[in-house]
PDB file of N, CA and C in Angstrom:
ATOM      1  N   MET A   1       0.823  -1.193   0.000  1.00  0.00           N
ATOM      2  CA  MET A   1       0.000   0.000   0.000  1.00  0.00           C
ATOM      3  C   MET A   1       0.864   1.253   0.000  1.00  0.00           C
ATOM      4  N   THR A   2       1.964   1.214   0.747  1.00  0.00           N
ATOM      5  CA  THR A   2       2.825   2.384   0.826  1.00  0.00           C
ATOM      6  C   THR A   2       3.333   2.779  -0.559  1.00  0.00           C
ATOM      7  N   SER A   3       3.789   1.815  -1.318  1.00  0.00           N
ATOM      8  CA  SER A   3       4.307   2.091  -2.657  1.00  0.00           C
ATOM      9  C   SER A   3       3.225   2.716  -3.539  1.00  0.00           C
ATOM     10  N   LEU A   4       2.027   2.190  -3.460  1.00  0.00           N
ATOM     11  CA  LEU A   4       0.919   2.715  -4.265  1.00  0.00           C
ATOM     12  C   LEU A   4       0.640   4.178  -3.936  1.00  0.00           C
ATOM     13  N   VAL A   5       0.481   4.507  -2.665  1.00  0.00           N
ATOM     14  CA  VAL A   5       0.120   5.893  -2.335  1.00  0.00           C
ATOM     15  C   VAL A   5       1.264   6.857  -2.594  1.00  0.00           C
ATOM     16  N   HIS A   6       2.490   6.400  -2.501  1.00  0.00           N
ATOM     17  CA  HIS A   6       3.616   7.273  -2.859  1.00  0.00           C
ATOM     18  C   HIS A   6       3.589   7.570  -4.354  1.00  0.00           C
ATOM     19  N   LYS A   7       3.277   6.571  -5.170  1.00  0.00           N
ATOM     20  CA  LYS A   7       3.183   6.788  -6.617  1.00  0.00           C
ATOM     21  C   LYS A   7       2.030   7.722  -6.961  1.00  0.00           C
ATOM     22  N   LEU A   8       0.984   7.723  -6.126  1.00  0.00           N
ATOM     23  CA  LEU A   8      -0.174   8.591  -6.361  1.00  0.00           C
ATOM     24  C   LEU A   8       0.019  10.000  -5.808  1.00  0.00           C
ATOM     25  N   GLY A   9       1.108  10.222  -5.064  1.00  0.00           N
ATOM     26  CA  GLY A   9       1.406  11.575  -4.628  1.00  0.00           C
ATOM     27  C   GLY A   9       1.413  11.812  -3.138  1.00  0.00           C
ATOM     28  N   LEU A  10       1.267  10.789  -2.316  1.00  0.00           N
ATOM     29  CA  LEU A  10       1.344  10.991  -0.867  1.00  0.00           C
ATOM     30  C   LEU A  10       2.797  11.202  -0.482  1.00  0.00           C
ATOM     31  N   SER A  11       3.016  12.063   0.465  1.00  0.00           N
ATOM     32  CA  SER A  11       4.362  12.367   0.931  1.00  0.00           C
ATOM     33  C   SER A  11       5.108  11.101   1.340  1.00  0.00           C
ATOM     34  N   PRO A  12       6.388  11.002   0.995  1.00  0.00           N
ATOM     35  CA  PRO A  12       7.172   9.835   1.408  1.00  0.00           C
ATOM     36  C   PRO A  12       7.428   9.785   2.911  1.00  0.00           C
ATOM     37  N   THR A  13       7.014  10.804   3.648  1.00  0.00           N
ATOM     38  CA  THR A  13       7.168  10.759   5.108  1.00  0.00           C
ATOM     39  C   THR A  13       6.114   9.867   5.768  1.00  0.00           C
ATOM     40  N   LEU A  14       5.097   9.447   5.007  1.00  0.00           N
ATOM     41  CA  LEU A  14       4.058   8.573   5.547  1.00  0.00           C
ATOM     42  C   LEU A  14       4.188   7.175   4.968  1.00  0.00           C
ATOM     43  N   ALA A  15       3.787   6.186   5.752  1.00  0.00           N
ATOM     44  CA  ALA A  15       3.849   4.797   5.308  1.00  0.00           C
ATOM     45  C   ALA A  15       2.769   3.992   6.013  1.00  0.00           C
ATOM     46  N   PHE A  16       2.422   2.855   5.433  1.00  0.00           N
ATOM     47  CA  PHE A  16       1.494   1.921   6.052  1.00  0.00           C
ATOM     48  C   PHE A  16       2.299   0.847   6.777  1.00  0.00           C
ATOM     49  N   HIS A  17       1.800   0.412   7.919  1.00  0.00           N
ATOM     50  CA  HIS A  17       2.450  -0.617   8.715  1.00  0.00           C
ATOM     51  C   HIS A  17       1.407  -1.627   9.163  1.00  0.00           C
ATOM     52  N   ASP A  18       1.794  -2.894   9.206  1.00  0.00           N
ATOM     53  CA  ASP A  18       0.889  -3.932   9.699  1.00  0.00           C
ATOM     54  C   ASP A  18       0.747  -3.816  11.210  1.00  0.00           C
ATOM     55  N   VAL A  19      -0.463  -4.011  11.695  1.00  0.00           N
ATOM     56  CA  VAL A  19      -0.751  -4.044  13.121  1.00  0.00           C
ATOM     57  C   VAL A  19      -1.216  -5.463  13.419  1.00  0.00           C
ATOM     58  N   TRP A  20      -0.527  -6.151  14.290  1.00  0.00           N
ATOM     59  CA  TRP A  20      -0.820  -7.557  14.564  1.00  0.00           C
ATOM     60  C   TRP A  20      -1.844  -7.741  15.669  1.00  0.00           C
ATOM     61  N   SER A  21      -2.122  -6.696  16.427  1.00  0.00           N
ATOM     62  CA  SER A  21      -3.124  -6.776  17.490  1.00  0.00           C
ATOM     63  C   SER A  21      -3.577  -5.359  17.807  1.00  0.00           C
ATOM     64  N   ILE A  22      -4.841  -5.217  18.179  1.00  0.00           N
ATOM     65  CA  ILE A  22      -5.309  -3.898  18.612  1.00  0.00           C
ATOM     66  C   ILE A  22      -5.552  -3.856  20.112  1.00  0.00           C
ATOM     67  N   ASP A  23      -5.267  -4.966  20.801  1.00  0.00           N
ATOM     68  CA  ASP A  23      -5.469  -4.966  22.251  1.00  0.00           C
ATOM     69  C   ASP A  23      -4.274  -5.499  23.051  1.00  0.00           C
ATOM     70  N   ASP A  24      -3.190  -5.854  22.387  1.00  0.00           N
ATOM     71  CA  ASP A  24      -1.992  -6.326  23.069  1.00  0.00           C
ATOM     72  C   ASP A  24      -0.959  -5.198  23.074  1.00  0.00           C
ATOM     73  N   PRO A  25      -0.703  -4.593  24.230  1.00  0.00           N
ATOM     74  CA  PRO A  25       0.227  -3.462  24.306  1.00  0.00           C
ATOM     75  C   PRO A  25       1.614  -3.769  23.733  1.00  0.00           C
ATOM     76  N   GLU A  26       2.089  -4.986  23.946  1.00  0.00           N
ATOM     77  CA  GLU A  26       3.418  -5.334  23.424  1.00  0.00           C
ATOM     78  C   GLU A  26       3.426  -5.310  21.887  1.00  0.00           C
ATOM     79  N   MET A  27       2.405  -5.847  21.283  1.00  0.00           N
ATOM     80  CA  MET A  27       2.321  -5.839  19.817  1.00  0.00           C
ATOM     81  C   MET A  27       2.096  -4.433  19.282  1.00  0.00           C
ATOM     82  N   LEU A  28       1.296  -3.631  19.996  1.00  0.00           N
ATOM     83  CA  LEU A  28       1.062  -2.253  19.576  1.00  0.00           C
ATOM     84  C   LEU A  28       2.304  -1.393  19.674  1.00  0.00           C
ATOM     85  N   SER A  29       3.254  -1.793  20.512  1.00  0.00           N
ATOM     86  CA  SER A  29       4.475  -1.006  20.659  1.00  0.00           C
ATOM     87  C   SER A  29       5.309  -0.998  19.374  1.00  0.00           C
ATOM     88  N   PHE A  30       5.047  -1.917  18.464  1.00  0.00           N
ATOM     89  CA  PHE A  30       5.770  -1.959  17.195  1.00  0.00           C
ATOM     90  C   PHE A  30       5.219  -0.957  16.178  1.00  0.00           C
ATOM     91  N   VAL A  31       4.069  -0.394  16.437  1.00  0.00           N
ATOM     92  CA  VAL A  31       3.448   0.549  15.502  1.00  0.00           C
ATOM     93  C   VAL A  31       4.110   1.917  15.673  1.00  0.00           C
ATOM     94  N   PRO A  32       4.685   2.474  14.594  1.00  0.00           N
ATOM     95  CA  PRO A  32       5.294   3.806  14.698  1.00  0.00           C
ATOM     96  C   PRO A  32       4.264   4.851  15.099  1.00  0.00           C
ATOM     97  N   ARG A  33       4.695   5.832  15.854  1.00  0.00           N
ATOM     98  CA  ARG A  33       3.830   6.918  16.305  1.00  0.00           C
ATOM     99  C   ARG A  33       4.306   8.228  15.700  1.00  0.00           C
ATOM    100  N   PRO A  34       3.451   9.172  15.384  1.00  0.00           N
ATOM    101  CA  PRO A  34       1.999   9.072  15.523  1.00  0.00           C
ATOM    102  C   PRO A  34       1.409   8.216  14.403  1.00  0.00           C
ATOM    103  N   ALA A  35       0.273   7.626  14.668  1.00  0.00           N
ATOM    104  CA  ALA A  35      -0.474   6.886  13.658  1.00  0.00           C
ATOM    105  C   ALA A  35      -1.627   7.774  13.203  1.00  0.00           C
ATOM    106  N   ASN A  36      -1.737   7.994  11.911  1.00  0.00           N
ATOM    107  CA  ASN A  36      -2.761   8.898  11.381  1.00  0.00           C
ATOM    108  C   ASN A  36      -4.073   8.203  11.074  1.00  0.00           C
ATOM    109  N   ALA A  37      -4.033   6.895  10.860  1.00  0.00           N
ATOM    110  CA  ALA A  37      -5.250   6.156  10.512  1.00  0.00           C
ATOM    111  C   ALA A  37      -5.026   4.677  10.801  1.00  0.00           C
ATOM    112  N   LEU A  38      -6.124   3.967  10.962  1.00  0.00           N
ATOM    113  CA  LEU A  38      -6.084   2.519  11.142  1.00  0.00           C
ATOM    114  C   LEU A  38      -7.064   1.911  10.154  1.00  0.00           C
ATOM    115  N   LEU A  39      -6.556   1.053   9.276  1.00  0.00           N
ATOM    116  CA  LEU A  39      -7.406   0.343   8.334  1.00  0.00           C
ATOM    117  C   LEU A  39      -7.619  -1.055   8.879  1.00  0.00           C
ATOM    118  N   LEU A  40      -8.856  -1.404   9.129  1.00  0.00           N
ATOM    119  CA  LEU A  40      -9.190  -2.707   9.688  1.00  0.00           C
ATOM    120  C   LEU A  40      -9.633  -3.627   8.559  1.00  0.00           C
ATOM    121  N   VAL A  41      -8.974  -4.761   8.445  1.00  0.00           N
ATOM    122  CA  VAL A  41      -9.303  -5.741   7.419  1.00  0.00           C
ATOM    123  C   VAL A  41      -9.855  -6.981   8.113  1.00  0.00           C
ATOM    124  N   PHE A  42     -11.035  -7.419   7.688  1.00  0.00           N
ATOM    125  CA  PHE A  42     -11.634  -8.616   8.290  1.00  0.00           C
ATOM    126  C   PHE A  42     -12.500  -9.305   7.250  1.00  0.00           C
ATOM    127  N   PRO A  43     -12.694 -10.605   7.386  1.00  0.00           N
ATOM    128  CA  PRO A  43     -13.517 -11.330   6.414  1.00  0.00           C
ATOM    129  C   PRO A  43     -14.994 -10.951   6.546  1.00  0.00           C
ATOM    130  N   VAL A  44     -15.653 -10.873   5.428  1.00  0.00           N
ATOM    131  CA  VAL A  44     -17.072 -10.529   5.396  1.00  0.00           C
ATOM    132  C   VAL A  44     -17.866 -11.778   5.034  1.00  0.00           C
ATOM    133  N   SER A  45     -18.914 -12.016   5.786  1.00  0.00           N
ATOM    134  CA  SER A  45     -19.769 -13.176   5.527  1.00  0.00           C
ATOM    135  C   SER A  45     -21.139 -12.707   5.042  1.00  0.00           C
ATOM    136  N   LYS A  46     -21.920 -13.618   4.558  1.00  0.00           N
ATOM    137  CA  LYS A  46     -23.286 -13.305   4.114  1.00  0.00           C
ATOM    138  C   LYS A  46     -24.107 -12.769   5.288  1.00  0.00           C
ATOM    139  N   SER A  47     -23.952 -13.362   6.480  1.00  0.00           N
ATOM    140  CA  SER A  47     -24.716 -12.893   7.640  1.00  0.00           C
ATOM    141  C   SER A  47     -24.290 -11.472   8.035  1.00  0.00           C
ATOM    142  N   TYR A  48     -23.004 -11.161   7.903  1.00  0.00           N
ATOM    143  CA  TYR A  48     -22.544  -9.800   8.199  1.00  0.00           C
ATOM    144  C   TYR A  48     -23.162  -8.805   7.211  1.00  0.00           C
ATOM    145  N   GLU A  49     -23.136  -9.147   5.926  1.00  0.00           N
ATOM    146  CA  GLU A  49     -23.713  -8.256   4.919  1.00  0.00           C
ATOM    147  C   GLU A  49     -25.204  -8.046   5.153  1.00  0.00           C
ATOM    148  N   THR A  50     -25.926  -9.100   5.517  1.00  0.00           N
ATOM    149  CA  THR A  50     -27.356  -8.993   5.813  1.00  0.00           C
ATOM    150  C   THR A  50     -27.574  -8.079   7.010  1.00  0.00           C
ATOM    151  N   PHE A  51     -26.786  -8.268   8.063  1.00  0.00           N
ATOM    152  CA  PHE A  51     -26.876  -7.423   9.251  1.00  0.00           C
ATOM    153  C   PHE A  51     -26.627  -5.957   8.897  1.00  0.00           C
ATOM    154  N   ARG A  52     -25.584  -5.686   8.112  1.00  0.00           N
ATOM    155  CA  ARG A  52     -25.264  -4.304   7.738  1.00  0.00           C
ATOM    156  C   ARG A  52     -26.388  -3.656   6.936  1.00  0.00           C
ATOM    157  N   MET A  53     -26.985  -4.406   6.025  1.00  0.00           N
ATOM    158  CA  MET A  53     -28.086  -3.871   5.224  1.00  0.00           C
ATOM    159  C   MET A  53     -29.266  -3.512   6.122  1.00  0.00           C
ATOM    160  N   GLN A  54     -29.567  -4.373   7.087  1.00  0.00           N
ATOM    161  CA  GLN A  54     -30.666  -4.101   8.017  1.00  0.00           C
ATOM    162  C   GLN A  54     -30.325  -2.899   8.900  1.00  0.00           C
ATOM    163  N   GLU A  55     -29.092  -2.830   9.371  1.00  0.00           N
ATOM    164  CA  GLU A  55     -28.667  -1.742  10.237  1.00  0.00           C
ATOM    165  C   GLU A  55     -28.725  -0.388   9.526  1.00  0.00           C
ATOM    166  N   ASP A  56     -28.399  -0.373   8.237  1.00  0.00           N
ATOM    167  CA  ASP A  56     -28.364   0.880   7.484  1.00  0.00           C
ATOM    168  C   ASP A  56     -29.696   1.250   6.841  1.00  0.00           C
ATOM    169  N   ALA A  57     -30.675   0.370   6.877  1.00  0.00           N
ATOM    170  CA  ALA A  57     -31.933   0.589   6.162  1.00  0.00           C
ATOM    171  C   ALA A  57     -32.650   1.872   6.572  1.00  0.00           C
ATOM    172  N   ASP A  58     -32.597   2.231   7.851  1.00  0.00           N
ATOM    173  CA  ASP A  58     -33.324   3.404   8.335  1.00  0.00           C
ATOM    174  C   ASP A  58     -32.488   4.686   8.357  1.00  0.00           C
ATOM    175  N   LYS A  59     -31.244   4.601   7.945  1.00  0.00           N
ATOM    176  CA  LYS A  59     -30.370   5.768   7.994  1.00  0.00           C
ATOM    177  C   LYS A  59     -30.516   6.612   6.739  1.00  0.00           C
ATOM    178  N   GLU A  60     -30.429   7.924   6.924  1.00  0.00           N
ATOM    179  CA  GLU A  60     -30.469   8.829   5.781  1.00  0.00           C
ATOM    180  C   GLU A  60     -29.190   8.695   4.973  1.00  0.00           C
ATOM    181  N   VAL A  61     -29.301   8.933   3.678  1.00  0.00           N
ATOM    182  CA  VAL A  61     -28.128   8.930   2.812  1.00  0.00           C
ATOM    183  C   VAL A  61     -27.316  10.189   3.107  1.00  0.00           C
ATOM    184  N   TYR A  62     -26.025  10.023   3.312  1.00  0.00           N
ATOM    185  CA  TYR A  62     -25.154  11.163   3.582  1.00  0.00           C
ATOM    186  C   TYR A  62     -25.028  12.005   2.326  1.00  0.00           C
ATOM    187  N   GLU A  63     -25.344  13.284   2.435  1.00  0.00           N
ATOM    188  CA  GLU A  63     -25.333  14.180   1.284  1.00  0.00           C
ATOM    189  C   GLU A  63     -24.235  15.229   1.362  1.00  0.00           C
ATOM    190  N   GLY A  64     -23.452  15.241   2.439  1.00  0.00           N
ATOM    191  CA  GLY A  64     -22.431  16.272   2.604  1.00  0.00           C
ATOM    192  C   GLY A  64     -21.329  16.167   1.569  1.00  0.00           C
ATOM    193  N   LYS A  65     -20.811  17.327   1.152  1.00  0.00           N
ATOM    194  CA  LYS A  65     -19.691  17.363   0.223  1.00  0.00           C
ATOM    195  C   LYS A  65     -19.106  18.767   0.200  1.00  0.00           C
ATOM    196  N   GLY A  66     -17.885  18.862  -0.288  1.00  0.00           N
ATOM    197  CA  GLY A  66     -17.249  20.160  -0.445  1.00  0.00           C
ATOM    198  C   GLY A  66     -16.330  20.528   0.698  1.00  0.00           C
ATOM    199  N   ALA A  67     -15.697  21.668   0.542  1.00  0.00           N
ATOM    200  CA  ALA A  67     -14.670  22.136   1.468  1.00  0.00           C
ATOM    201  C   ALA A  67     -15.217  22.451   2.858  1.00  0.00           C
ATOM    202  N   ASP A  68     -16.516  22.665   3.002  1.00  0.00           N
ATOM    203  CA  ASP A  68     -17.080  22.998   4.310  1.00  0.00           C
ATOM    204  C   ASP A  68     -17.311  21.779   5.204  1.00  0.00           C
ATOM    205  N   GLU A  69     -17.167  20.595   4.655  1.00  0.00           N
ATOM    206  CA  GLU A  69     -17.356  19.380   5.442  1.00  0.00           C
ATOM    207  C   GLU A  69     -16.114  19.119   6.292  1.00  0.00           C
ATOM    208  N   PRO A  70     -16.296  18.657   7.531  1.00  0.00           N
ATOM    209  CA  PRO A  70     -15.137  18.398   8.388  1.00  0.00           C
ATOM    210  C   PRO A  70     -14.311  17.193   7.939  1.00  0.00           C
ATOM    211  N   VAL A  71     -14.917  16.264   7.221  1.00  0.00           N
ATOM    212  CA  VAL A  71     -14.202  15.107   6.685  1.00  0.00           C
ATOM    213  C   VAL A  71     -14.697  14.828   5.274  1.00  0.00           C
ATOM    214  N   ILE A  72     -13.863  14.161   4.515  1.00  0.00           N
ATOM    215  CA  ILE A  72     -14.290  13.665   3.208  1.00  0.00           C
ATOM    216  C   ILE A  72     -14.718  12.222   3.419  1.00  0.00           C
ATOM    217  N   TRP A  73     -15.903  11.889   2.956  1.00  0.00           N
ATOM    218  CA  TRP A  73     -16.446  10.545   3.132  1.00  0.00           C
ATOM    219  C   TRP A  73     -16.738   9.958   1.764  1.00  0.00           C
ATOM    220  N   TYR A  74     -16.323   8.723   1.563  1.00  0.00           N
ATOM    221  CA  TYR A  74     -16.543   8.018   0.302  1.00  0.00           C
ATOM    222  C   TYR A  74     -17.487   6.856   0.543  1.00  0.00           C
ATOM    223  N   LYS A  75     -18.516   6.759  -0.268  1.00  0.00           N
ATOM    224  CA  LYS A  75     -19.410   5.611  -0.188  1.00  0.00           C
ATOM    225  C   LYS A  75     -18.868   4.529  -1.108  1.00  0.00           C
ATOM    226  N   GLN A  76     -18.700   3.351  -0.573  1.00  0.00           N
ATOM    227  CA  GLN A  76     -18.203   2.239  -1.375  1.00  0.00           C
ATOM    228  C   GLN A  76     -19.341   1.689  -2.213  1.00  0.00           C
ATOM    229  N   THR A  77     -19.202   1.750  -3.519  1.00  0.00           N
ATOM    230  CA  THR A  77     -20.227   1.242  -4.425  1.00  0.00           C
ATOM    231  C   THR A  77     -19.710   0.072  -5.255  1.00  0.00           C
ATOM    232  N   ILE A  78     -18.438  -0.247  -5.126  1.00  0.00           N
ATOM    233  CA  ILE A  78     -17.827  -1.352  -5.856  1.00  0.00           C
ATOM    234  C   ILE A  78     -17.491  -2.448  -4.859  1.00  0.00           C
ATOM    235  N   ARG A  79     -17.978  -3.665  -5.108  1.00  0.00           N
ATOM    236  CA  ARG A  79     -17.682  -4.775  -4.206  1.00  0.00           C
ATOM    237  C   ARG A  79     -16.180  -5.031  -4.144  1.00  0.00           C
ATOM    238  N   ASN A  80     -15.725  -5.427  -2.975  1.00  0.00           N
ATOM    239  CA  ASN A  80     -14.328  -5.788  -2.749  1.00  0.00           C
ATOM    240  C   ASN A  80     -13.352  -4.629  -2.972  1.00  0.00           C
ATOM    241  N   ALA A  81     -13.826  -3.413  -2.842  1.00  0.00           N
ATOM    242  CA  ALA A  81     -12.952  -2.247  -2.981  1.00  0.00           C
ATOM    243  C   ALA A  81     -12.689  -1.594  -1.631  1.00  0.00           C
ATOM    244  N   CYS A  82     -12.944  -2.316  -0.539  1.00  0.00           N
ATOM    245  CA  CYS A  82     -12.845  -1.711   0.787  1.00  0.00           C
ATOM    246  C   CYS A  82     -11.434  -1.245   1.107  1.00  0.00           C
ATOM    247  N   GLY A  83     -10.416  -1.937   0.617  1.00  0.00           N
ATOM    248  CA  GLY A  83      -9.044  -1.499   0.869  1.00  0.00           C
ATOM    249  C   GLY A  83      -8.775  -0.142   0.241  1.00  0.00           C
ATOM    250  N   LEU A  84      -9.173   0.024  -1.012  1.00  0.00           N
ATOM    251  CA  LEU A  84      -8.979   1.305  -1.696  1.00  0.00           C
ATOM    252  C   LEU A  84      -9.786   2.410  -1.033  1.00  0.00           C
ATOM    253  N   ILE A  85     -11.013   2.128  -0.661  1.00  0.00           N
ATOM    254  CA  ILE A  85     -11.843   3.132   0.010  1.00  0.00           C
ATOM    255  C   ILE A  85     -11.209   3.506   1.351  1.00  0.00           C
ATOM    256  N   GLY A  86     -10.690   2.532   2.070  1.00  0.00           N
ATOM    257  CA  GLY A  86      -9.994   2.807   3.332  1.00  0.00           C
ATOM    258  C   GLY A  86      -8.780   3.686   3.127  1.00  0.00           C
ATOM    259  N   ILE A  87      -8.003   3.406   2.073  1.00  0.00           N
ATOM    260  CA  ILE A  87      -6.838   4.238   1.765  1.00  0.00           C
ATOM    261  C   ILE A  87      -7.273   5.661   1.457  1.00  0.00           C
ATOM    262  N   LEU A  88      -8.324   5.818   0.648  1.00  0.00           N
ATOM    263  CA  LEU A  88      -8.811   7.167   0.323  1.00  0.00           C
ATOM    264  C   LEU A  88      -9.247   7.921   1.582  1.00  0.00           C
ATOM    265  N   HIS A  89      -9.975   7.234   2.479  1.00  0.00           N
ATOM    266  CA  HIS A  89     -10.373   7.873   3.735  1.00  0.00           C
ATOM    267  C   HIS A  89      -9.140   8.280   4.542  1.00  0.00           C
ATOM    268  N   ALA A  90      -8.167   7.384   4.623  1.00  0.00           N
ATOM    269  CA  ALA A  90      -6.981   7.637   5.449  1.00  0.00           C
ATOM    270  C   ALA A  90      -6.174   8.824   4.954  1.00  0.00           C
ATOM    271  N   VAL A  91      -6.016   8.963   3.643  1.00  0.00           N
ATOM    272  CA  VAL A  91      -5.160  10.042   3.130  1.00  0.00           C
ATOM    273  C   VAL A  91      -5.927  11.322   2.823  1.00  0.00           C
ATOM    274  N   SER A  92      -7.251  11.274   2.840  1.00  0.00           N
ATOM    275  CA  SER A  92      -8.052  12.461   2.535  1.00  0.00           C
ATOM    276  C   SER A  92      -8.451  13.246   3.771  1.00  0.00           C
ATOM    277  N   ASN A  93      -8.197  12.705   4.947  1.00  0.00           N
ATOM    278  CA  ASN A  93      -8.672  13.323   6.183  1.00  0.00           C
ATOM    279  C   ASN A  93      -7.548  13.432   7.204  1.00  0.00           C
ATOM    280  N   GLY A  94      -7.806  14.248   8.216  1.00  0.00           N
ATOM    281  CA  GLY A  94      -6.851  14.393   9.300  1.00  0.00           C
ATOM    282  C   GLY A  94      -5.538  14.995   8.840  1.00  0.00           C
ATOM    283  N   SER A  95      -4.493  14.726   9.591  1.00  0.00           N
ATOM    284  CA  SER A  95      -3.196  15.316   9.289  1.00  0.00           C
ATOM    285  C   SER A  95      -2.592  14.765   8.006  1.00  0.00           C
ATOM    286  N   SER A  96      -3.022  13.609   7.556  1.00  0.00           N
ATOM    287  CA  SER A  96      -2.511  13.051   6.299  1.00  0.00           C
ATOM    288  C   SER A  96      -2.873  13.928   5.115  1.00  0.00           C
ATOM    289  N   ARG A  97      -4.036  14.556   5.163  1.00  0.00           N
ATOM    290  CA  ARG A  97      -4.491  15.411   4.060  1.00  0.00           C
ATOM    291  C   ARG A  97      -3.454  16.476   3.737  1.00  0.00           C
ATOM    292  N   ASN A  98      -2.832  17.043   4.754  1.00  0.00           N
ATOM    293  CA  ASN A  98      -1.845  18.090   4.535  1.00  0.00           C
ATOM    294  C   ASN A  98      -0.590  17.570   3.846  1.00  0.00           C
ATOM    295  N   LEU A  99      -0.333  16.281   3.942  1.00  0.00           N
ATOM    296  CA  LEU A  99       0.855  15.710   3.329  1.00  0.00           C
ATOM    297  C   LEU A  99       0.618  15.232   1.907  1.00  0.00           C
ATOM    298  N   VAL A 100      -0.623  15.232   1.448  1.00  0.00           N
ATOM    299  CA  VAL A 100      -0.905  14.940   0.052  1.00  0.00           C
ATOM    300  C   VAL A 100      -0.517  16.141  -0.790  1.00  0.00           C
ATOM    301  N   GLY A 101      -0.809  17.325  -0.327  1.00  0.00           N
ATOM    302  CA  GLY A 101      -0.550  18.548  -1.074  1.00  0.00           C
ATOM    303  C   GLY A 101       0.913  18.879  -1.244  1.00  0.00           C
ATOM    304  N   MET A 102       1.794  18.158  -0.550  1.00  0.00           N
ATOM    305  CA  MET A 102       3.221  18.407  -0.717  1.00  0.00           C
ATOM    306  C   MET A 102       3.682  18.043  -2.116  1.00  0.00           C
ATOM    307  N   LEU A 103       2.948  17.149  -2.767  1.00  0.00           N
ATOM    308  CA  LEU A 103       3.254  16.735  -4.131  1.00  0.00           C
ATOM    309  C   LEU A 103       2.027  17.040  -4.988  1.00  0.00           C
ATOM    310  N   PRO A 104       1.800  18.317  -5.315  1.00  0.00           N
ATOM    311  CA  PRO A 104       0.530  18.712  -5.932  1.00  0.00           C
ATOM    312  C   PRO A 104       0.255  18.109  -7.298  1.00  0.00           C
ATOM    313  N   TYR A 105       1.273  17.568  -7.961  1.00  0.00           N
ATOM    314  CA  TYR A 105       1.015  16.992  -9.268  1.00  0.00           C
ATOM    315  C   TYR A 105       0.754  15.493  -9.211  1.00  0.00           C
ATOM    316  N   GLY A 106       0.765  14.920  -8.006  1.00  0.00           N
ATOM    317  CA  GLY A 106       0.386  13.524  -7.856  1.00  0.00           C
ATOM    318  C   GLY A 106      -1.115  13.386  -8.055  1.00  0.00           C
ATOM    319  N   LEU A 107      -1.550  12.203  -8.442  1.00  0.00           N
ATOM    320  CA  LEU A 107      -2.974  11.992  -8.696  1.00  0.00           C
ATOM    321  C   LEU A 107      -3.841  12.269  -7.475  1.00  0.00           C
ATOM    322  N   LEU A 108      -3.365  11.926  -6.273  1.00  0.00           N
ATOM    323  CA  LEU A 108      -4.165  12.214  -5.075  1.00  0.00           C
ATOM    324  C   LEU A 108      -4.365  13.709  -4.889  1.00  0.00           C
ATOM    325  N   GLY A 109      -3.310  14.484  -5.056  1.00  0.00           N
ATOM    326  CA  GLY A 109      -3.419  15.931  -4.917  1.00  0.00           C
ATOM    327  C   GLY A 109      -4.360  16.537  -5.938  1.00  0.00           C
ATOM    328  N   ILE A 110      -4.225  16.096  -7.182  1.00  0.00           N
ATOM    329  CA  ILE A 110      -5.108  16.587  -8.250  1.00  0.00           C
ATOM    330  C   ILE A 110      -6.555  16.226  -7.939  1.00  0.00           C
ATOM    331  N   TYR A 111      -6.792  14.995  -7.508  1.00  0.00           N
ATOM    332  CA  TYR A 111      -8.145  14.552  -7.168  1.00  0.00           C
ATOM    333  C   TYR A 111      -8.732  15.387  -6.042  1.00  0.00           C
ATOM    334  N   LEU A 112      -7.988  15.535  -4.944  1.00  0.00           N
ATOM    335  CA  LEU A 112      -8.520  16.267  -3.800  1.00  0.00           C
ATOM    336  C   LEU A 112      -8.753  17.737  -4.116  1.00  0.00           C
ATOM    337  N   LEU A 113      -7.854  18.348  -4.877  1.00  0.00           N
ATOM    338  CA  LEU A 113      -8.028  19.756  -5.229  1.00  0.00           C
ATOM    339  C   LEU A 113      -9.196  19.975  -6.176  1.00  0.00           C
ATOM    340  N   ASN A 114      -9.298  19.156  -7.206  1.00  0.00           N
ATOM    341  CA  ASN A 114     -10.275  19.398  -8.262  1.00  0.00           C
ATOM    342  C   ASN A 114     -11.649  18.797  -8.012  1.00  0.00           C
ATOM    343  N   PHE A 115     -11.695  17.626  -7.393  1.00  0.00           N
ATOM    344  CA  PHE A 115     -12.984  16.971  -7.234  1.00  0.00           C
ATOM    345  C   PHE A 115     -13.566  17.161  -5.845  1.00  0.00           C
ATOM    346  N   CYS A 116     -12.713  17.228  -4.852  1.00  0.00           N
ATOM    347  CA  CYS A 116     -13.203  17.396  -3.481  1.00  0.00           C
ATOM    348  C   CYS A 116     -13.161  18.854  -3.056  1.00  0.00           C
ATOM    349  N   ARG A 117     -12.513  19.685  -3.844  1.00  0.00           N
ATOM    350  CA  ARG A 117     -12.448  21.129  -3.587  1.00  0.00           C
ATOM    351  C   ARG A 117     -11.912  21.455  -2.202  1.00  0.00           C
ATOM    352  N   ILE A 118     -10.840  20.792  -1.842  1.00  0.00           N
ATOM    353  CA  ILE A 118     -10.234  21.111  -0.555  1.00  0.00           C
ATOM    354  C   ILE A 118      -8.907  21.807  -0.780  1.00  0.00           C
ATOM    355  N   GLY A 119      -8.468  22.527   0.227  1.00  0.00           N
ATOM    356  CA  GLY A 119      -7.147  23.128   0.203  1.00  0.00           C
ATOM    357  C   GLY A 119      -6.210  22.288   1.040  1.00  0.00           C
ATOM    358  N   PHE A 120      -4.937  22.599   0.956  1.00  0.00           N
ATOM    359  CA  PHE A 120      -3.927  21.880   1.703  1.00  0.00           C
ATOM    360  C   PHE A 120      -3.246  22.822   2.667  1.00  0.00           C
ATOM    361  N   GLY A 121      -2.591  22.255   3.631  1.00  0.00           N
ATOM    362  CA  GLY A 121      -1.818  23.032   4.574  1.00  0.00           C
ATOM    363  C   GLY A 121      -2.497  23.074   5.926  1.00  0.00           C
ATOM    364  N   PRO A 122      -1.723  23.480   6.933  1.00  0.00           N
ATOM    365  CA  PRO A 122      -2.267  23.508   8.310  1.00  0.00           C
ATOM    366  C   PRO A 122      -3.383  24.510   8.460  1.00  0.00           C
TER     367      PRO A 122
END
């Protein structure tokens, strides 16, 4: 993942690291700090998908967009694209967003500037 986002324009000062546990302090000590995002990968079953559909059935569709939104949110509409959607969330929000603009001609910078209408910098 690190190689991909660097090619797309994310600052080389950021990288992805595997986390082997989220509740074992010794294992968490291997994670470099600060951590800007956590991407959770887990197997999806038919019962999980059914539960999620039922859970989301009564929720309004999120309509927020543009520079006035506190976060950029992407709705996953392509099956099995959760890793890419997670990467987009991780680099489009928080302190990582400021490090995309360091390479303004990378695809991520162009995307965020032109399609999400956000600025870069602190």
